[in-house]
Protein backbone atom coordinates (compact mmCIF):
# COMPACT_ATOMS: atom_id res chain seq x y z
CA UNK A 1 123.04 80.92 112.70
CA UNK A 2 123.45 84.99 114.06
CA UNK A 3 123.96 85.35 110.16
CA UNK A 4 119.98 83.92 109.34
CA UNK A 5 118.85 85.88 112.29
CA UNK A 6 120.39 89.18 111.06
CA UNK A 7 119.07 88.48 107.28
CA UNK A 8 115.60 87.83 108.92
CA UNK A 9 116.01 90.72 110.83
CA UNK A 10 116.69 92.77 107.69
CA UNK A 11 114.34 91.76 105.65
CA UNK A 12 111.74 91.87 108.24
CA UNK A 13 113.08 95.87 108.29
CA UNK A 14 112.69 96.50 104.38
CA UNK A 15 109.01 94.83 104.31
CA UNK A 16 108.11 97.08 107.70
CA UNK A 17 109.68 100.53 105.68
CA UNK A 18 108.15 99.57 102.33
CA UNK A 19 104.84 98.84 104.24
CA UNK A 20 104.83 102.36 106.17
CA UNK A 21 105.90 104.15 102.91
CA UNK A 22 103.11 102.21 100.80
CA UNK A 23 100.39 103.38 103.76
CA UNK A 24 101.86 106.83 104.00
CA UNK A 25 101.29 106.79 99.96
CA UNK A 26 97.81 105.73 100.33
CA UNK A 27 97.08 108.52 103.10
CA UNK A 28 98.62 111.53 101.35
CA UNK A 29 96.67 110.23 98.21
CA UNK A 30 93.41 110.31 99.68
CA UNK A 31 94.08 113.40 101.91
CA UNK A 32 94.95 115.06 98.83
CA UNK A 33 91.60 113.54 97.14
CA UNK A 34 89.47 114.56 99.79
CA UNK A 35 90.63 118.33 99.67
CA UNK A 36 90.00 118.20 95.50
CA UNK A 37 86.37 116.85 96.14
CA UNK A 38 85.79 119.23 98.69
CA UNK A 39 86.90 122.31 96.94
CA UNK A 40 84.52 120.23 93.93
CA UNK A 41 81.55 120.34 96.55
CA UNK A 42 81.98 123.77 97.85
CA UNK A 43 82.17 125.08 94.23
CA UNK A 44 79.09 122.92 93.20
CA UNK A 45 77.30 124.95 96.28
CA UNK A 46 78.60 122.38 98.48
CA UNK A 47 75.96 122.37 101.67
CA UNK A 48 73.01 121.14 99.26
CA UNK A 49 75.16 118.41 98.26
CA UNK A 50 76.27 116.94 101.50
CA UNK A 51 74.21 118.81 104.03
CA UNK A 52 75.06 121.00 106.66
CA UNK A 53 78.07 119.11 107.65
CA UNK A 54 80.47 120.11 104.67
CA UNK A 55 80.71 123.94 105.99
CA UNK A 56 82.38 122.86 109.48
CA UNK A 57 84.67 120.69 107.61
CA UNK A 58 85.32 123.25 104.96
CA UNK A 59 85.95 125.76 107.68
CA UNK A 60 88.04 123.38 109.76
CA UNK A 61 90.29 122.63 106.78
CA UNK A 62 90.67 125.59 105.31
CA UNK A 63 91.31 127.43 108.87
CA UNK A 64 94.16 125.08 108.92
């Protein structure tokens, strides 16, 4: 019985780690994509495309 509990726990650990890494990958991909889109909009005139919100966002991102 304890062996079954250990194997279930290790399986849960594996699944949890895999999901965490997947979520991290999705987050990093989204972050890089948003930076790329912001850079593209800034190059194209930025505030004309997205209203007045983009300059503040760009300042925040480039300030970091």
